[in-house]
Amino acid sequence: MFYREAGDFSTTYPEDSQTFPIKFDRYRYYVVLAFAFLVVPFIINDYWANAILLPFLIYAIAAIGLNILTGYCGQVSLGTGGFMAVGAYSCYKFMTAFPDLSMFINVLLAGVVTAAVGVLFGLPSLRIKGFYLAVATLAAQFFLVWLFNRVPWFYNYSASGQINAPERTVLGVAVTGPNTSAWAAYLFCLVFCVASAIVARNLTRGSIGRKWMAIRDMDIAAEIIGVNPMKAKLTAFAISSFFVGISGALFFALYLGAVEVGEAFSIQKSFLILFMVIIGGLGSIFGSFAGAAFLVVLPVAMKIVGADMLGMPTDIVAHLQLVVVGALIIVFLILEPHGIAQLWRLAKEKLRLWPFPH
């Protein structure tokens, strides 16, 4: 009654292969996009932008990137924070070296640089996998943070070692710097988030995505049937790092404005994005959004309930957040390994047959 596919027929191959072949799904996403682009910018304020919306959009892009690598290709990575740092520092260098370059181009070039670095650190995946690959990417995390801390060229020889985003405008509206409006930064991040989701959705549904999933399920069998494991793994690292680099550039330039690599892109950032993918659902673009939304909203909700309503000390609330997140990861890994995305799929199955029993 609430969710039906009956009567929704595809008569051509393009109709059958479109991103959302079911009309109900298409219209639902159209409504969500229309609300996000046409309504939210008029009602947004600084608190909602900085506390929820900007972190959600940026972390969703990073989660999509990690999900491509880990969820679709099966290559475990613990270096997401380091790759975000590559995107942030690349964006900073492009912004300061080419002040007339469009901010869109700066962010995209930061993604390209991060993709190249991701391929370099993805080379060990050709020989190792599983726990050993996780350790190798963890080494990349520590090496990249050390590099950006120790080489003054990356932060333009600043005495403090901090990088600050100079003001840049798009169509005459500031999107970085102290004069940035909340709605402008939100729309800029939203454009990249929607574009990333569309590109990732089409990649994972195409031949590249099928090769990634073949490598994930059984790499030896995939190689026997003609999948080139080197090409599949390195393309997964490149595309994943491209999205993560974009998220790092946005995190630095539009969200924080100024960063120190040791604090903003530490190992905790890598684990946070990995937790988003696990809770949201491995191998699901929707799961990347669900996990990002959950772990962005959870601290805000716990602060409101714990600190503001119950009067608990803020340090106790912060520790409780870690306990709750850890408990949720254990629960999802045991009871529902495919995360929130699988729960959503099961809910749609129930709605298809309601009010009849399943």
Protein backbone atom coordinates (compact mmCIF):
# COMPACT_ATOMS: atom_id res chain seq x y z
CA MET A 1 0.00 0.00 0.00
CA PHE A 2 2.80 2.45 0.91
CA TYR A 3 5.45 1.13 -1.46
CA ARG A 4 4.46 -0.65 -4.66
CA GLU A 5 6.24 -1.74 -7.83
CA ALA A 6 3.18 -3.22 -9.51
CA GLY A 7 2.32 -1.56 -12.80
CA ASP A 8 5.76 0.03 -13.16
CA PHE A 9 7.02 -1.55 -16.40
CA SER A 10 10.20 -0.85 -18.34
CA THR A 11 9.78 -1.12 -22.11
CA THR A 12 13.28 -0.07 -23.23
CA TYR A 13 16.81 -0.84 -22.09
CA PRO A 14 17.53 2.78 -21.05
CA GLU A 15 14.46 2.72 -18.81
CA ASP A 16 15.55 -0.54 -17.25
CA SER A 17 19.14 0.59 -16.68
CA GLN A 18 18.46 4.03 -15.21
CA THR A 19 19.69 4.78 -11.70
CA PHE A 20 16.25 4.48 -10.10
CA PRO A 21 14.04 2.33 -12.37
CA ILE A 22 11.07 2.42 -9.93
CA LYS A 23 9.01 5.61 -10.24
CA PHE A 24 8.30 5.79 -6.51
CA ASP A 25 12.04 5.84 -5.75
CA ARG A 26 12.72 8.41 -8.45
CA TYR A 27 10.04 10.81 -7.30
CA ARG A 28 11.06 10.41 -3.66
CA TYR A 29 14.65 11.40 -4.44
CA TYR A 30 13.48 14.27 -6.64
CA VAL A 31 11.48 15.61 -3.70
CA VAL A 32 14.45 15.27 -1.35
CA LEU A 33 16.77 17.05 -3.81
CA ALA A 34 14.24 19.83 -4.44
CA PHE A 35 13.87 20.38 -0.70
CA ALA A 36 17.66 20.36 -0.21
CA PHE A 37 18.33 22.86 -3.01
CA LEU A 38 15.27 25.10 -2.90
CA VAL A 39 14.10 25.14 0.73
CA VAL A 40 17.01 24.47 3.09
CA PRO A 41 19.16 27.44 1.91
CA PHE A 42 16.37 29.83 2.95
CA ILE A 43 15.89 28.39 6.45
CA ILE A 44 19.47 27.44 7.33
CA ASN A 45 21.40 29.24 10.08
CA ASP A 46 24.98 29.07 11.31
CA TYR A 47 24.23 26.52 14.04
CA TRP A 48 22.48 24.04 11.76
CA ALA A 49 25.13 24.48 9.09
CA ASN A 50 28.16 24.00 11.36
CA ALA A 51 26.68 21.40 13.72
CA ILE A 52 24.86 19.11 11.29
CA LEU A 53 24.53 19.96 7.60
CA LEU A 54 28.12 20.71 6.54
CA PRO A 55 29.66 17.80 8.51
CA PHE A 56 27.00 15.46 7.17
CA LEU A 57 27.59 16.40 3.53
CA ILE A 58 31.40 16.27 3.84
CA TYR A 59 31.51 13.02 5.80
CA ALA A 60 29.00 11.47 3.38
CA ILE A 61 31.44 12.10 0.50
CA ALA A 62 34.28 10.54 2.51
CA ALA A 63 32.09 7.57 3.47
CA ILE A 64 31.16 7.03 -0.19
CA GLY A 65 34.84 6.95 -1.07
CA LEU A 66 35.72 4.48 1.68
CA ASN A 67 32.66 2.37 0.86
CA ILE A 68 33.83 2.03 -2.74
CA LEU A 69 37.18 0.71 -1.54
CA THR A 70 36.10 -1.41 1.43
CA GLY A 71 32.44 -2.21 0.77
CA TYR A 72 32.56 -2.82 -2.98
CA CYS A 73 36.17 -3.89 -3.61
CA GLY A 74 36.91 -5.51 -0.25
CA GLN A 75 40.17 -3.61 0.39
CA VAL A 76 40.34 -2.59 4.04
CA SER A 77 41.73 0.90 4.60
CA LEU A 78 42.60 2.74 7.81
CA GLY A 79 44.24 5.70 6.09
CA THR A 80 41.18 7.80 5.28
CA GLY A 81 42.22 10.64 7.58
CA GLY A 82 45.61 10.86 5.88
CA PHE A 83 44.04 10.97 2.42
CA MET A 84 41.66 13.70 3.63
CA ALA A 85 44.77 15.61 4.71
CA VAL A 86 46.21 15.22 1.21
CA GLY A 87 43.04 16.75 -0.22
CA ALA A 88 43.11 19.60 2.31
CA TYR A 89 46.75 20.54 1.76
CA SER A 90 46.47 20.14 -2.02
CA CYS A 91 43.49 22.48 -2.04
CA TYR A 92 45.42 24.96 0.14
CA LYS A 93 48.41 24.94 -2.20
CA PHE A 94 46.23 25.44 -5.27
CA MET A 95 44.30 28.26 -3.58
CA THR A 96 47.47 30.12 -2.62
CA ALA A 97 49.44 29.42 -5.82
CA PHE A 98 46.59 30.20 -8.24
CA PRO A 99 44.35 32.83 -6.59
CA ASP A 100 42.28 33.36 -9.75
CA LEU A 101 41.41 29.69 -10.14
CA SER A 102 37.77 28.73 -9.52
CA MET A 103 37.07 27.11 -6.16
CA PHE A 104 35.37 24.24 -7.97
CA ILE A 105 38.59 23.58 -9.88
CA ASN A 106 40.65 23.78 -6.68
CA VAL A 107 38.55 21.09 -5.02
CA LEU A 108 38.58 18.84 -8.09
CA LEU A 109 42.35 19.18 -8.49
CA ALA A 110 42.76 18.31 -4.82
CA GLY A 111 40.77 15.15 -5.53
CA VAL A 112 43.02 14.30 -8.49
CA VAL A 113 46.18 14.72 -6.41
CA THR A 114 44.71 12.53 -3.66
CA ALA A 115 43.77 9.89 -6.26
CA ALA A 116 47.40 9.75 -7.39
CA VAL A 117 48.60 9.39 -3.79
CA GLY A 118 45.93 6.74 -3.18
CA VAL A 119 47.18 4.68 -6.13
CA LEU A 120 50.73 4.93 -4.78
CA PHE A 121 49.70 3.60 -1.37
CA GLY A 122 47.35 1.12 -3.01
CA LEU A 123 50.21 -0.75 -4.68
CA PRO A 124 50.72 -3.04 -1.64
CA SER A 125 47.16 -4.32 -2.19
CA LEU A 126 48.48 -6.22 -5.23
CA ARG A 127 50.48 -8.46 -2.91
CA ILE A 128 48.74 -8.35 0.47
CA LYS A 129 45.16 -8.20 1.71
CA GLY A 130 43.03 -8.29 4.83
CA PHE A 131 44.73 -7.42 8.11
CA TYR A 132 48.11 -6.80 6.45
CA LEU A 133 46.61 -4.32 4.01
CA ALA A 134 44.89 -2.53 6.90
CA VAL A 135 48.27 -2.17 8.62
CA ALA A 136 49.83 -0.84 5.39
CA THR A 137 47.15 1.82 5.01
CA LEU A 138 47.52 2.64 8.70
CA ALA A 139 51.20 3.28 8.00
CA ALA A 140 50.14 5.62 5.20
CA GLN A 141 47.97 7.51 7.69
CA PHE A 142 50.87 8.13 10.06
CA PHE A 143 53.35 8.88 7.28
CA LEU A 144 51.12 11.48 5.60
CA VAL A 145 50.37 13.26 8.89
CA TRP A 146 54.08 13.27 9.72
CA LEU A 147 54.93 14.61 6.24
CA PHE A 148 52.53 17.54 6.44
CA ASN A 149 53.79 18.37 9.94
CA ARG A 150 57.47 18.19 9.13
CA VAL A 151 57.79 19.75 5.65
CA PRO A 152 57.22 23.54 5.90
CA TRP A 153 56.53 23.87 2.17
CA PHE A 154 53.10 22.31 2.62
CA TYR A 155 51.96 25.04 5.03
CA ASN A 156 53.85 27.81 3.19
CA TYR A 157 56.47 28.13 5.95
CA SER A 158 53.94 29.46 8.45
CA ALA A 159 55.38 29.91 11.93
CA SER A 160 52.40 28.20 13.55
CA GLY A 161 52.28 25.30 11.10
CA GLN A 162 48.60 26.03 10.52
CA ILE A 163 46.96 26.49 7.12
CA ASN A 164 44.19 29.07 6.65
CA ALA A 165 41.77 29.14 3.75
CA PRO A 166 41.87 32.47 1.88
CA GLU A 167 38.59 33.99 0.78
CA ARG A 168 37.23 32.73 -2.53
CA THR A 169 33.95 33.51 -4.24
CA VAL A 170 31.59 31.72 -6.61
CA LEU A 171 29.39 34.01 -8.72
CA GLY A 172 30.33 36.88 -6.43
CA VAL A 173 29.34 35.04 -3.23
CA ALA A 174 32.04 34.11 -0.70
CA VAL A 175 32.26 30.36 -0.08
CA THR A 176 35.50 30.39 1.96
CA GLY A 177 36.97 32.86 4.42
CA PRO A 178 35.47 34.81 7.32
CA ASN A 179 32.69 36.40 5.26
CA THR A 180 31.15 33.11 4.12
CA SER A 181 27.40 32.75 4.54
CA ALA A 182 26.02 29.48 5.89
CA TRP A 183 23.76 28.94 2.88
CA ALA A 184 26.61 29.51 0.40
CA ALA A 185 28.91 26.96 2.04
CA TYR A 186 25.99 24.53 2.32
CA LEU A 187 25.07 24.78 -1.37
CA PHE A 188 28.71 24.43 -2.44
CA CYS A 189 29.11 21.23 -0.42
CA LEU A 190 25.69 19.96 -1.52
CA VAL A 191 26.64 20.20 -5.20
CA PHE A 192 29.73 18.06 -4.63
CA CYS A 193 27.83 15.61 -2.43
CA VAL A 194 25.06 15.04 -4.97
CA ALA A 195 27.53 14.77 -7.86
CA SER A 196 29.66 12.28 -5.89
CA ALA A 197 26.62 10.14 -5.07
CA ILE A 198 25.46 10.07 -8.71
CA VAL A 199 28.92 9.19 -10.03
CA ALA A 200 29.46 6.53 -7.37
CA ARG A 201 26.02 5.03 -7.93
CA ASN A 202 26.62 4.67 -11.67
CA LEU A 203 30.15 3.34 -11.24
CA THR A 204 29.07 0.64 -8.80
CA ARG A 205 26.19 -0.43 -11.07
CA GLY A 206 28.39 -0.67 -14.16
CA SER A 207 31.13 -3.02 -15.34
CA ILE A 208 33.71 -1.39 -13.05
CA GLY A 209 31.52 -2.02 -10.02
CA ARG A 210 30.96 -5.64 -11.00
CA LYS A 211 34.72 -6.15 -11.26
CA TRP A 212 35.19 -4.61 -7.81
CA MET A 213 32.57 -6.91 -6.31
CA ALA A 214 34.10 -9.94 -8.03
CA ILE A 215 37.47 -9.10 -6.46
CA ARG A 216 35.76 -8.59 -3.09
CA ASP A 217 33.93 -11.90 -3.15
CA MET A 218 36.80 -14.09 -4.42
CA ASP A 219 39.78 -12.53 -6.13
CA ILE A 220 41.16 -15.83 -7.49
CA ALA A 221 37.85 -16.71 -9.16
CA ALA A 222 37.56 -13.17 -10.50
CA GLU A 223 41.00 -13.44 -12.11
CA ILE A 224 40.08 -16.80 -13.65
CA ILE A 225 37.00 -15.33 -15.37
CA GLY A 226 39.03 -12.46 -16.83
CA VAL A 227 39.02 -9.66 -14.25
CA ASN A 228 42.38 -7.90 -14.04
CA PRO A 229 43.01 -7.69 -10.25
CA MET A 230 45.71 -5.02 -10.55
CA LYS A 231 43.50 -2.72 -12.61
CA ALA A 232 40.42 -3.33 -10.45
CA LYS A 233 42.18 -2.71 -7.15
CA LEU A 234 44.09 0.36 -8.30
CA THR A 235 41.00 1.94 -9.86
CA ALA A 236 39.17 1.35 -6.58
CA PHE A 237 41.98 3.05 -4.66
CA ALA A 238 42.09 5.93 -7.16
CA ILE A 239 38.34 6.63 -7.23
CA SER A 240 38.00 6.13 -3.48
CA SER A 241 40.89 8.51 -2.80
CA PHE A 242 39.42 11.04 -5.24
CA PHE A 243 36.20 11.24 -3.22
CA VAL A 244 38.09 11.30 0.09
CA GLY A 245 40.35 14.07 -1.24
CA ILE A 246 37.32 16.16 -2.20
CA SER A 247 35.89 15.69 1.27
CA GLY A 248 39.22 16.72 2.83
CA ALA A 249 39.36 19.86 0.71
CA LEU A 250 35.80 20.80 1.67
CA PHE A 251 36.45 19.95 5.33
CA PHE A 252 39.41 22.35 5.39
CA ALA A 253 38.25 25.19 3.15
CA LEU A 254 34.53 25.44 3.89
CA TYR A 255 33.96 23.81 7.27
CA LEU A 256 36.97 24.54 9.47
CA GLY A 257 38.70 27.32 7.55
CA ALA A 258 41.98 26.62 9.37
CA VAL A 259 43.51 23.27 10.33
CA GLU A 260 46.51 21.66 11.94
CA VAL A 261 46.96 18.27 10.38
CA GLY A 262 47.71 16.43 13.63
CA GLU A 263 44.39 17.48 15.15
CA ALA A 264 42.02 17.63 12.17
CA PHE A 265 43.15 14.50 10.30
CA SER A 266 44.33 12.13 13.00
CA ILE A 267 43.72 8.39 13.18
CA GLN A 268 40.41 9.13 14.96
CA LYS A 269 39.13 10.61 11.70
CA SER A 270 39.92 7.40 9.85
CA PHE A 271 38.09 5.31 12.44
CA LEU A 272 35.12 7.69 12.46
CA ILE A 273 34.57 7.33 8.71
CA LEU A 274 35.09 3.56 8.93
CA PHE A 275 32.42 3.43 11.65
CA MET A 276 30.07 5.38 9.38
CA VAL A 277 30.51 2.79 6.66
CA ILE A 278 30.05 -0.14 9.06
CA ILE A 279 26.93 1.27 10.72
CA GLY A 280 25.46 2.58 7.47
CA GLY A 281 26.12 -0.58 5.49
CA LEU A 282 29.05 -1.93 3.51
CA GLY A 283 28.50 -1.99 -0.24
CA SER A 284 25.71 0.60 -0.24
CA ILE A 285 25.75 4.24 -1.37
CA PHE A 286 22.63 4.87 0.70
CA GLY A 287 24.41 3.28 3.65
CA SER A 288 27.18 5.88 3.36
CA PHE A 289 24.61 8.65 3.78
CA ALA A 290 22.81 6.82 6.58
CA GLY A 291 26.01 6.17 8.53
CA ALA A 292 27.22 9.75 8.10
CA ALA A 293 23.86 11.15 9.21
CA PHE A 294 23.72 8.83 12.22
CA LEU A 295 27.20 9.64 13.54
CA VAL A 296 26.82 13.37 12.90
CA VAL A 297 23.42 13.66 14.59
CA LEU A 298 24.23 11.30 17.50
CA PRO A 299 26.71 13.61 19.33
CA VAL A 300 24.40 16.60 18.89
CA ALA A 301 21.40 14.64 20.19
CA MET A 302 23.35 13.25 23.15
CA LYS A 303 24.63 16.71 24.04
CA ILE A 304 21.11 18.13 23.98
CA VAL A 305 19.69 15.30 26.06
CA GLY A 306 22.63 14.70 28.39
CA ALA A 307 24.15 18.13 28.95
CA ASP A 308 21.26 20.52 28.32
CA MET A 309 18.25 18.53 29.56
CA LEU A 310 19.73 16.24 32.23
CA GLY A 311 22.54 18.53 33.35
CA MET A 312 25.31 15.96 32.93
CA PRO A 313 28.92 17.19 32.66
CA THR A 314 30.06 17.59 29.06
CA ASP A 315 33.09 15.31 29.53
CA ILE A 316 30.81 12.50 30.74
CA VAL A 317 28.56 13.03 27.70
CA ALA A 318 31.60 12.89 25.40
CA HIS A 319 32.71 9.57 26.91
CA LEU A 320 29.17 8.21 26.66
CA GLN A 321 29.22 8.99 22.95
CA LEU A 322 32.24 6.72 22.51
CA VAL A 323 30.56 3.97 24.52
CA VAL A 324 27.34 4.21 22.51
CA VAL A 325 29.15 4.19 19.16
CA GLY A 326 31.26 1.18 20.18
CA ALA A 327 28.20 -0.70 21.40
CA LEU A 328 26.32 0.05 18.17
CA ILE A 329 29.20 -1.23 16.05
CA ILE A 330 29.23 -4.51 17.99
CA VAL A 331 25.43 -4.81 17.69
CA PHE A 332 25.44 -4.16 13.95
CA LEU A 333 28.34 -6.53 13.29
CA ILE A 334 26.56 -9.33 15.17
CA LEU A 335 22.89 -8.78 14.37
CA GLU A 336 22.92 -6.88 11.06
CA PRO A 337 26.34 -6.81 9.32
CA HIS A 338 24.89 -4.86 6.37
CA GLY A 339 23.89 -1.97 8.60
CA ILE A 340 21.15 0.60 8.31
CA ALA A 341 20.90 0.08 4.54
CA GLN A 342 19.77 -3.50 5.06
CA LEU A 343 17.22 -2.41 7.68
CA TRP A 344 15.85 0.06 5.13
CA ARG A 345 15.63 -2.67 2.48
CA LEU A 346 13.76 -4.93 4.90
CA ALA A 347 11.38 -2.08 5.78
CA LYS A 348 10.59 -1.60 2.09
CA GLU A 349 9.88 -5.32 1.76
CA LYS A 350 7.41 -5.05 4.65
CA LEU A 351 5.74 -2.02 3.08
CA ARG A 352 5.33 -3.85 -0.23
CA LEU A 353 3.13 -6.50 1.42
CA TRP A 354 1.42 -4.43 4.13
CA PRO A 355 -1.18 -5.06 5.57
CA PHE A 356 -0.66 -8.75 4.75
CA PRO A 357 1.79 -10.76 6.89
CA HIS A 358 5.27 -11.32 5.55
